[in-house]
Amino acid sequence: MYSSRPVSSEPVSHDVYGRTVAKCSVGDLDLGDWLVRAGLAFDWPRYSKGKYDGAQREAERAGRGVWAGSYVAPWRYRACINEGRKSDNCSEGVE
């Protein structure tokens, strides 16, 4: 459906590592929204300013993607590791 259409990206900011944070789209379809709504990505308010919060809540309620099982958000896992904890103590149920 979208595989043969061009993807456009619009730089929005940079992350703490200097990488470009961008809004990507195919025509009028916001790919970030589509990925979050499908449960394949997280709304990261630090960069999205909560733009995808509604899409994430919808995916969670519907049990799509990562919401179908258990997981630890990547930024929480990294924070846990950075605190010096072992990886097996940074998985499921870490807050």
PDB file of N, CA and C in Angstrom:
ATOM      1  N   MET A   1       0.815  -1.171   0.000  1.00  0.00           N
ATOM      2  CA  MET A   1       0.000   0.000   0.000  1.00  0.00           C
ATOM      3  C   MET A   1       0.876   1.259   0.000  1.00  0.00           C
ATOM      4  N   TYR A   2       1.865   1.365   0.900  1.00  0.00           N
ATOM      5  CA  TYR A   2       2.729   2.534   0.949  1.00  0.00           C
ATOM      6  C   TYR A   2       4.136   2.233   0.458  1.00  0.00           C
ATOM      7  N   SER A   3       4.415   0.965   0.174  1.00  0.00           N
ATOM      8  CA  SER A   3       5.783   0.557  -0.125  1.00  0.00           C
ATOM      9  C   SER A   3       6.373   1.214  -1.358  1.00  0.00           C
ATOM     10  N   SER A   4       5.563   1.606  -2.325  1.00  0.00           N
ATOM     11  CA  SER A   4       6.116   2.197  -3.538  1.00  0.00           C
ATOM     12  C   SER A   4       6.051   3.730  -3.510  1.00  0.00           C
ATOM     13  N   ARG A   5       5.568   4.304  -2.410  1.00  0.00           N
ATOM     14  CA  ARG A   5       5.453   5.760  -2.315  1.00  0.00           C
ATOM     15  C   ARG A   5       6.652   6.338  -1.578  1.00  0.00           C
ATOM     16  N   PRO A   6       7.076   7.534  -1.939  1.00  0.00           N
ATOM     17  CA  PRO A   6       8.238   8.144  -1.273  1.00  0.00           C
ATOM     18  C   PRO A   6       7.918   8.548   0.171  1.00  0.00           C
ATOM     19  N   VAL A   7       8.933   8.413   1.002  1.00  0.00           N
ATOM     20  CA  VAL A   7       8.838   8.827   2.401  1.00  0.00           C
ATOM     21  C   VAL A   7       9.523  10.178   2.517  1.00  0.00           C
ATOM     22  N   SER A   8       8.868  11.101   3.189  1.00  0.00           N
ATOM     23  CA  SER A   8       9.509  12.394   3.430  1.00  0.00           C
ATOM     24  C   SER A   8       9.811  12.518   4.912  1.00  0.00           C
ATOM     25  N   SER A   9      10.852  13.263   5.226  1.00  0.00           N
ATOM     26  CA  SER A   9      11.196  13.492   6.629  1.00  0.00           C
ATOM     27  C   SER A   9      11.449  14.975   6.837  1.00  0.00           C
ATOM     28  N   GLU A  10      10.992  15.435   7.975  1.00  0.00           N
ATOM     29  CA  GLU A  10      11.129  16.839   8.343  1.00  0.00           C
ATOM     30  C   GLU A  10      11.848  16.904   9.690  1.00  0.00           C
ATOM     31  N   PRO A  11      13.096  17.368   9.725  1.00  0.00           N
ATOM     32  CA  PRO A  11      13.825  17.457  10.996  1.00  0.00           C
ATOM     33  C   PRO A  11      13.056  18.305  12.010  1.00  0.00           C
ATOM     34  N   VAL A  12      13.010  17.821  13.245  1.00  0.00           N
ATOM     35  CA  VAL A  12      12.294  18.513  14.306  1.00  0.00           C
ATOM     36  C   VAL A  12      13.267  19.020  15.369  1.00  0.00           C
ATOM     37  N   SER A  13      14.229  18.165  15.742  1.00  0.00           N
ATOM     38  CA  SER A  13      15.204  18.529  16.773  1.00  0.00           C
ATOM     39  C   SER A  13      16.360  17.535  16.709  1.00  0.00           C
ATOM     40  N   HIS A  14      17.168  17.537  17.756  1.00  0.00           N
ATOM     41  CA  HIS A  14      18.254  16.560  17.896  1.00  0.00           C
ATOM     42  C   HIS A  14      18.147  15.927  19.271  1.00  0.00           C
ATOM     43  N   ASP A  15      18.546  14.648  19.361  1.00  0.00           N
ATOM     44  CA  ASP A  15      18.521  13.980  20.665  1.00  0.00           C
ATOM     45  C   ASP A  15      19.816  14.294  21.414  1.00  0.00           C
ATOM     46  N   VAL A  16      19.958  13.713  22.596  1.00  0.00           N
ATOM     47  CA  VAL A  16      21.127  14.004  23.435  1.00  0.00           C
ATOM     48  C   VAL A  16      22.440  13.529  22.816  1.00  0.00           C
ATOM     49  N   TYR A  17      22.364  12.670  21.797  1.00  0.00           N
ATOM     50  CA  TYR A  17      23.560  12.172  21.114  1.00  0.00           C
ATOM     51  C   TYR A  17      23.827  12.939  19.821  1.00  0.00           C
ATOM     52  N   GLY A  18      23.022  13.962  19.544  1.00  0.00           N
ATOM     53  CA  GLY A  18      23.199  14.754  18.340  1.00  0.00           C
ATOM     54  C   GLY A  18      22.524  14.185  17.105  1.00  0.00           C
ATOM     55  N   ARG A  19      21.768  13.100  17.267  1.00  0.00           N
ATOM     56  CA  ARG A  19      21.056  12.516  16.126  1.00  0.00           C
ATOM     57  C   ARG A  19      19.812  13.331  15.814  1.00  0.00           C
ATOM     58  N   THR A  20      19.462  13.381  14.559  1.00  0.00           N
ATOM     59  CA  THR A  20      18.285  14.126  14.132  1.00  0.00           C
ATOM     60  C   THR A  20      17.014  13.386  14.514  1.00  0.00           C
ATOM     61  N   VAL A  21      16.087  14.106  15.125  1.00  0.00           N
ATOM     62  CA  VAL A  21      14.748  13.600  15.401  1.00  0.00           C
ATOM     63  C   VAL A  21      13.875  14.229  14.319  1.00  0.00           C
ATOM     64  N   ALA A  22      13.133  13.405  13.583  1.00  0.00           N
ATOM     65  CA  ALA A  22      12.356  13.913  12.457  1.00  0.00           C
ATOM     66  C   ALA A  22      10.946  13.350  12.438  1.00  0.00           C
ATOM     67  N   LYS A  23      10.064  14.088  11.802  1.00  0.00           N
ATOM     68  CA  LYS A  23       8.714  13.606  11.524  1.00  0.00           C
ATOM     69  C   LYS A  23       8.768  13.004  10.127  1.00  0.00           C
ATOM     70  N   CYS A  24       8.403  11.736  10.011  1.00  0.00           N
ATOM     71  CA  CYS A  24       8.429  11.042   8.725  1.00  0.00           C
ATOM     72  C   CYS A  24       7.001  10.772   8.278  1.00  0.00           C
ATOM     73  N   SER A  25       6.773  10.905   6.987  1.00  0.00           N
ATOM     74  CA  SER A  25       5.420  10.705   6.475  1.00  0.00           C
ATOM     75  C   SER A  25       5.444  10.154   5.062  1.00  0.00           C
ATOM     76  N   VAL A  26       4.330   9.548   4.714  1.00  0.00           N
ATOM     77  CA  VAL A  26       4.070   9.109   3.337  1.00  0.00           C
ATOM     78  C   VAL A  26       2.783   9.819   2.959  1.00  0.00           C
ATOM     79  N   GLY A  27       2.888  10.797   2.088  1.00  0.00           N
ATOM     80  CA  GLY A  27       1.721  11.630   1.791  1.00  0.00           C
ATOM     81  C   GLY A  27       1.267  12.311   3.062  1.00  0.00           C
ATOM     82  N   ASP A  28      -0.007  12.155   3.414  1.00  0.00           N
ATOM     83  CA  ASP A  28      -0.553  12.756   4.635  1.00  0.00           C
ATOM     84  C   ASP A  28      -0.453  11.835   5.850  1.00  0.00           C
ATOM     85  N   LEU A  29       0.080  10.625   5.674  1.00  0.00           N
ATOM     86  CA  LEU A  29       0.181   9.657   6.772  1.00  0.00           C
ATOM     87  C   LEU A  29       1.436   9.920   7.595  1.00  0.00           C
ATOM     88  N   ASP A  30       1.259  10.245   8.873  1.00  0.00           N
ATOM     89  CA  ASP A  30       2.362  10.429   9.819  1.00  0.00           C
ATOM     90  C   ASP A  30       2.816   9.036  10.250  1.00  0.00           C
ATOM     91  N   LEU A  31       4.021   8.646   9.850  1.00  0.00           N
ATOM     92  CA  LEU A  31       4.498   7.293  10.154  1.00  0.00           C
ATOM     93  C   LEU A  31       4.703   7.069  11.649  1.00  0.00           C
ATOM     94  N   GLY A  32       5.066   8.111  12.392  1.00  0.00           N
ATOM     95  CA  GLY A  32       5.193   7.983  13.845  1.00  0.00           C
ATOM     96  C   GLY A  32       3.867   7.609  14.476  1.00  0.00           C
ATOM     97  N   ASP A  33       2.811   8.299  14.069  1.00  0.00           N
ATOM     98  CA  ASP A  33       1.474   7.996  14.579  1.00  0.00           C
ATOM     99  C   ASP A  33       1.076   6.570  14.220  1.00  0.00           C
ATOM    100  N   TRP A  34       1.330   6.185  12.981  1.00  0.00           N
ATOM    101  CA  TRP A  34       0.971   4.846  12.522  1.00  0.00           C
ATOM    102  C   TRP A  34       1.709   3.776  13.331  1.00  0.00           C
ATOM    103  N   LEU A  35       3.004   3.963  13.565  1.00  0.00           N
ATOM    104  CA  LEU A  35       3.787   2.983  14.323  1.00  0.00           C
ATOM    105  C   LEU A  35       3.320   2.887  15.775  1.00  0.00           C
ATOM    106  N   VAL A  36       3.078   4.024  16.407  1.00  0.00           N
ATOM    107  CA  VAL A  36       2.621   4.027  17.807  1.00  0.00           C
ATOM    108  C   VAL A  36       1.231   3.408  17.909  1.00  0.00           C
ATOM    109  N   ARG A  37       0.339   3.776  17.009  1.00  0.00           N
ATOM    110  CA  ARG A  37      -1.036   3.255  17.009  1.00  0.00           C
ATOM    111  C   ARG A  37      -1.059   1.733  16.812  1.00  0.00           C
ATOM    112  N   ALA A  38      -0.078   1.217  16.063  1.00  0.00           N
ATOM    113  CA  ALA A  38       0.011  -0.228  15.820  1.00  0.00           C
ATOM    114  C   ALA A  38       0.721  -0.959  16.967  1.00  0.00           C
ATOM    115  N   GLY A  39       1.227  -0.207  17.946  1.00  0.00           N
ATOM    116  CA  GLY A  39       1.937  -0.826  19.064  1.00  0.00           C
ATOM    117  C   GLY A  39       3.357  -1.222  18.707  1.00  0.00           C
ATOM    118  N   LEU A  40       3.916  -0.628  17.667  1.00  0.00           N
ATOM    119  CA  LEU A  40       5.256  -0.973  17.195  1.00  0.00           C
ATOM    120  C   LEU A  40       6.299   0.049  17.618  1.00  0.00           C
ATOM    121  N   ALA A  41       5.860   1.119  18.261  1.00  0.00           N
ATOM    122  CA  ALA A  41       6.757   2.159  18.763  1.00  0.00           C
ATOM    123  C   ALA A  41       6.074   2.825  19.953  1.00  0.00           C
ATOM    124  N   PHE A  42       6.859   3.545  20.741  1.00  0.00           N
ATOM    125  CA  PHE A  42       6.332   4.260  21.904  1.00  0.00           C
ATOM    126  C   PHE A  42       6.265   5.752  21.629  1.00  0.00           C
ATOM    127  N   ASP A  43       5.298   6.411  22.244  1.00  0.00           N
ATOM    128  CA  ASP A  43       5.304   7.864  22.277  1.00  0.00           C
ATOM    129  C   ASP A  43       6.384   8.250  23.280  1.00  0.00           C
ATOM    130  N   TRP A  44       7.371   8.986  22.850  1.00  0.00           N
ATOM    131  CA  TRP A  44       8.429   9.425  23.756  1.00  0.00           C
ATOM    132  C   TRP A  44       8.246  10.925  23.948  1.00  0.00           C
ATOM    133  N   PRO A  45       7.515  11.329  25.002  1.00  0.00           N
ATOM    134  CA  PRO A  45       7.162  12.738  25.187  1.00  0.00           C
ATOM    135  C   PRO A  45       8.351  13.700  25.182  1.00  0.00           C
ATOM    136  N   ARG A  46       9.507  13.221  25.532  1.00  0.00           N
ATOM    137  CA  ARG A  46      10.693  14.079  25.524  1.00  0.00           C
ATOM    138  C   ARG A  46      10.897  14.711  24.149  1.00  0.00           C
ATOM    139  N   TYR A  47      10.570  13.953  23.111  1.00  0.00           N
ATOM    140  CA  TYR A  47      10.755  14.450  21.749  1.00  0.00           C
ATOM    141  C   TYR A  47       9.434  14.753  21.047  1.00  0.00           C
ATOM    142  N   SER A  48       8.371  14.032  21.402  1.00  0.00           N
ATOM    143  CA  SER A  48       7.088  14.221  20.707  1.00  0.00           C
ATOM    144  C   SER A  48       6.213  15.272  21.377  1.00  0.00           C
ATOM    145  N   LYS A  49       6.575  15.662  22.588  1.00  0.00           N
ATOM    146  CA  LYS A  49       5.739  16.578  23.380  1.00  0.00           C
ATOM    147  C   LYS A  49       4.340  15.999  23.578  1.00  0.00           C
ATOM    148  N   GLY A  50       4.250  14.649  23.593  1.00  0.00           N
ATOM    149  CA  GLY A  50       2.976  13.969  23.837  1.00  0.00           C
ATOM    150  C   GLY A  50       2.069  13.857  22.624  1.00  0.00           C
ATOM    151  N   LYS A  51       2.596  14.197  21.454  1.00  0.00           N
ATOM    152  CA  LYS A  51       1.780  14.185  20.239  1.00  0.00           C
ATOM    153  C   LYS A  51       1.119  12.829  19.983  1.00  0.00           C
ATOM    154  N   TYR A  52       1.783  11.733  20.365  1.00  0.00           N
ATOM    155  CA  TYR A  52       1.271  10.396  20.069  1.00  0.00           C
ATOM    156  C   TYR A  52       0.661   9.718  21.289  1.00  0.00           C
ATOM    157  N   ASP A  53       0.401  10.477  22.339  1.00  0.00           N
ATOM    158  CA  ASP A  53      -0.148   9.904  23.564  1.00  0.00           C
ATOM    159  C   ASP A  53      -1.478   9.201  23.308  1.00  0.00           C
ATOM    160  N   GLY A  54      -2.375   9.827  22.579  1.00  0.00           N
ATOM    161  CA  GLY A  54      -3.677   9.216  22.286  1.00  0.00           C
ATOM    162  C   GLY A  54      -3.534   7.940  21.480  1.00  0.00           C
ATOM    163  N   ALA A  55      -2.621   7.949  20.511  1.00  0.00           N
ATOM    164  CA  ALA A  55      -2.375   6.756  19.690  1.00  0.00           C
ATOM    165  C   ALA A  55      -1.832   5.623  20.560  1.00  0.00           C
ATOM    166  N   GLN A  56      -0.962   5.979  21.514  1.00  0.00           N
ATOM    167  CA  GLN A  56      -0.390   4.953  22.391  1.00  0.00           C
ATOM    168  C   GLN A  56      -1.452   4.373  23.320  1.00  0.00           C
ATOM    169  N   ARG A  57      -2.300   5.229  23.871  1.00  0.00           N
ATOM    170  CA  ARG A  57      -3.368   4.736  24.747  1.00  0.00           C
ATOM    171  C   ARG A  57      -4.318   3.823  23.975  1.00  0.00           C
ATOM    172  N   GLU A  58      -4.595   4.164  22.718  1.00  0.00           N
ATOM    173  CA  GLU A  58      -5.457   3.326  21.880  1.00  0.00           C
ATOM    174  C   GLU A  58      -4.820   1.962  21.640  1.00  0.00           C
ATOM    175  N   ALA A  59      -3.530   1.944  21.330  1.00  0.00           N
ATOM    176  CA  ALA A  59      -2.829   0.678  21.099  1.00  0.00           C
ATOM    177  C   ALA A  59      -2.807  -0.167  22.372  1.00  0.00           C
ATOM    178  N   GLU A  60      -2.577   0.494  23.508  1.00  0.00           N
ATOM    179  CA  GLU A  60      -2.551  -0.225  24.787  1.00  0.00           C
ATOM    180  C   GLU A  60      -3.913  -0.836  25.092  1.00  0.00           C
ATOM    181  N   ARG A  61      -4.988  -0.064  24.947  1.00  0.00           N
ATOM    182  CA  ARG A  61      -6.345  -0.579  25.206  1.00  0.00           C
ATOM    183  C   ARG A  61      -6.680  -1.754  24.294  1.00  0.00           C
ATOM    184  N   ALA A  62      -6.215  -1.690  23.053  1.00  0.00           N
ATOM    185  CA  ALA A  62      -6.507  -2.749  22.077  1.00  0.00           C
ATOM    186  C   ALA A  62      -5.546  -3.924  22.176  1.00  0.00           C
ATOM    187  N   GLY A  63      -4.483  -3.797  22.979  1.00  0.00           N
ATOM    188  CA  GLY A  63      -3.516  -4.886  23.128  1.00  0.00           C
ATOM    189  C   GLY A  63      -2.712  -5.147  21.859  1.00  0.00           C
ATOM    190  N   ARG A  64      -2.381  -4.089  21.115  1.00  0.00           N
ATOM    191  CA  ARG A  64      -1.622  -4.250  19.878  1.00  0.00           C
ATOM    192  C   ARG A  64      -0.118  -4.169  20.123  1.00  0.00           C
ATOM    193  N   GLY A  65       0.636  -4.908  19.316  1.00  0.00           N
ATOM    194  CA  GLY A  65       2.098  -4.840  19.345  1.00  0.00           C
ATOM    195  C   GLY A  65       2.663  -5.158  20.714  1.00  0.00           C
ATOM    196  N   VAL A  66       3.531  -4.261  21.209  1.00  0.00           N
ATOM    197  CA  VAL A  66       4.173  -4.503  22.504  1.00  0.00           C
ATOM    198  C   VAL A  66       3.169  -4.609  23.633  1.00  0.00           C
ATOM    199  N   TRP A  67       1.995  -4.027  23.441  1.00  0.00           N
ATOM    200  CA  TRP A  67       0.974  -4.047  24.479  1.00  0.00           C
ATOM    201  C   TRP A  67       0.313  -5.415  24.610  1.00  0.00           C
ATOM    202  N   ALA A  68       0.630  -6.343  23.721  1.00  0.00           N
ATOM    203  CA  ALA A  68       0.066  -7.694  23.793  1.00  0.00           C
ATOM    204  C   ALA A  68       0.796  -8.557  24.815  1.00  0.00           C
ATOM    205  N   GLY A  69       1.957  -8.105  25.260  1.00  0.00           N
ATOM    206  CA  GLY A  69       2.738  -8.889  26.217  1.00  0.00           C
ATOM    207  C   GLY A  69       3.339  -7.986  27.267  1.00  0.00           C
ATOM    208  N   SER A  70       4.440  -8.423  27.840  1.00  0.00           N
ATOM    209  CA  SER A  70       5.121  -7.594  28.837  1.00  0.00           C
ATOM    210  C   SER A  70       6.420  -7.082  28.224  1.00  0.00           C
ATOM    211  N   TYR A  71       6.865  -5.966  28.698  1.00  0.00           N
ATOM    212  CA  TYR A  71       8.052  -5.326  28.161  1.00  0.00           C
ATOM    213  C   TYR A  71       8.554  -4.301  29.160  1.00  0.00           C
ATOM    214  N   VAL A  72       9.714  -3.767  28.893  1.00  0.00           N
ATOM    215  CA  VAL A  72      10.236  -2.618  29.617  1.00  0.00           C
ATOM    216  C   VAL A  72      10.587  -1.591  28.553  1.00  0.00           C
ATOM    217  N   ALA A  73      10.085  -0.384  28.708  1.00  0.00           N
ATOM    218  CA  ALA A  73      10.403   0.669  27.741  1.00  0.00           C
ATOM    219  C   ALA A  73      11.917   0.826  27.663  1.00  0.00           C
ATOM    220  N   PRO A  74      12.463   1.003  26.480  1.00  0.00           N
ATOM    221  CA  PRO A  74      13.919   1.076  26.307  1.00  0.00           C
ATOM    222  C   PRO A  74      14.605   2.101  27.197  1.00  0.00           C
ATOM    223  N   TRP A  75      14.004   3.277  27.372  1.00  0.00           N
ATOM    224  CA  TRP A  75      14.650   4.300  28.197  1.00  0.00           C
ATOM    225  C   TRP A  75      14.671   3.894  29.662  1.00  0.00           C
ATOM    226  N   ARG A  76      13.701   3.127  30.117  1.00  0.00           N
ATOM    227  CA  ARG A  76      13.716   2.641  31.508  1.00  0.00           C
ATOM    228  C   ARG A  76      14.772   1.550  31.690  1.00  0.00           C
ATOM    229  N   TYR A  77      14.895   0.684  30.680  1.00  0.00           N
ATOM    230  CA  TYR A  77      15.910  -0.366  30.738  1.00  0.00           C
ATOM    231  C   TYR A  77      17.302   0.270  30.791  1.00  0.00           C
ATOM    232  N   ARG A  78      17.563   1.248  29.916  1.00  0.00           N
ATOM    233  CA  ARG A  78      18.875   1.897  29.908  1.00  0.00           C
ATOM    234  C   ARG A  78      19.146   2.606  31.227  1.00  0.00           C
ATOM    235  N   ALA A  79      18.132   3.264  31.793  1.00  0.00           N
ATOM    236  CA  ALA A  79      18.307   3.949  33.071  1.00  0.00           C
ATOM    237  C   ALA A  79      18.659   2.938  34.167  1.00  0.00           C
ATOM    238  N   CYS A  80      18.015   1.790  34.147  1.00  0.00           N
ATOM    239  CA  CYS A  80      18.282   0.744  35.125  1.00  0.00           C
ATOM    240  C   CYS A  80      19.732   0.257  35.006  1.00  0.00           C
ATOM    241  N   ILE A  81      20.167   0.009  33.780  1.00  0.00           N
ATOM    242  CA  ILE A  81      21.549  -0.438  33.544  1.00  0.00           C
ATOM    243  C   ILE A  81      22.526   0.647  33.988  1.00  0.00           C
ATOM    244  N   ASN A  82      22.203   1.903  33.674  1.00  0.00           N
ATOM    245  CA  ASN A  82      23.079   3.021  34.060  1.00  0.00           C
ATOM    246  C   ASN A  82      23.171   3.198  35.567  1.00  0.00           C
ATOM    247  N   GLU A  83      22.181   2.676  36.302  1.00  0.00           N
ATOM    248  CA  GLU A  83      22.220   2.699  37.771  1.00  0.00           C
ATOM    249  C   GLU A  83      23.129   1.600  38.310  1.00  0.00           C
ATOM    250  N   GLY A  84      23.673   0.770  37.396  1.00  0.00           N
ATOM    251  CA  GLY A  84      24.591  -0.291  37.808  1.00  0.00           C
ATOM    252  C   GLY A  84      23.919  -1.620  38.086  1.00  0.00           C
ATOM    253  N   ARG A  85      22.634  -1.742  37.759  1.00  0.00           N
ATOM    254  CA  ARG A  85      21.941  -3.005  37.989  1.00  0.00           C
ATOM    255  C   ARG A  85      22.211  -3.961  36.851  1.00  0.00           C
ATOM    256  N   LYS A  86      22.090  -5.248  37.113  1.00  0.00           N
ATOM    257  CA  LYS A  86      22.303  -6.271  36.094  1.00  0.00           C
ATOM    258  C   LYS A  86      21.082  -6.377  35.186  1.00  0.00           C
ATOM    259  N   SER A  87      21.305  -6.808  33.941  1.00  0.00           N
ATOM    260  CA  SER A  87      20.233  -6.829  32.955  1.00  0.00           C
ATOM    261  C   SER A  87      19.029  -7.671  33.392  1.00  0.00           C
ATOM    262  N   ASP A  88      19.268  -8.781  34.100  1.00  0.00           N
ATOM    263  CA  ASP A  88      18.121  -9.601  34.518  1.00  0.00           C
ATOM    264  C   ASP A  88      17.297  -8.907  35.604  1.00  0.00           C
ATOM    265  N   ASN A  89      17.855  -7.884  36.252  1.00  0.00           N
ATOM    266  CA  ASN A  89      17.098  -7.104  37.233  1.00  0.00           C
ATOM    267  C   ASN A  89      16.460  -5.876  36.592  1.00  0.00           C
ATOM    268  N   CYS A  90      16.660  -5.714  35.290  1.00  0.00           N
ATOM    269  CA  CYS A  90      16.131  -4.536  34.592  1.00  0.00           C
ATOM    270  C   CYS A  90      15.055  -4.921  33.592  1.00  0.00           C
ATOM    271  N   SER A  91      14.599  -6.159  33.637  1.00  0.00           N
ATOM    272  CA  SER A  91      13.548  -6.543  32.706  1.00  0.00           C
ATOM    273  C   SER A  91      12.180  -6.455  33.357  1.00  0.00           C
ATOM    274  N   GLU A  92      11.264  -7.239  32.919  1.00  0.00           N
ATOM    275  CA  GLU A  92       9.867  -7.207  33.324  1.00  0.00           C
ATOM    276  C   GLU A  92       9.603  -6.618  34.703  1.00  0.00           C
ATOM    277  N   GLY A  93       8.660  -5.700  34.749  1.00  0.00           N
ATOM    278  CA  GLY A  93       8.195  -5.157  36.030  1.00  0.00           C
ATOM    279  C   GLY A  93       9.043  -4.042  36.607  1.00  0.00           C
ATOM    280  N   VAL A  94      10.088  -3.608  35.918  1.00  0.00           N
ATOM    281  CA  VAL A  94      10.925  -2.529  36.447  1.00  0.00           C
ATOM    282  C   VAL A  94      10.205  -1.206  36.259  1.00  0.00           C
ATOM    283  N   GLU A  95      10.173  -0.406  37.255  1.00  0.00           N
ATOM    284  CA  GLU A  95       9.566   0.933  37.151  1.00  0.00           C
ATOM    285  C   GLU A  95      10.586   1.972  37.451  1.00  0.00           C
TER     286      GLU A  95
END
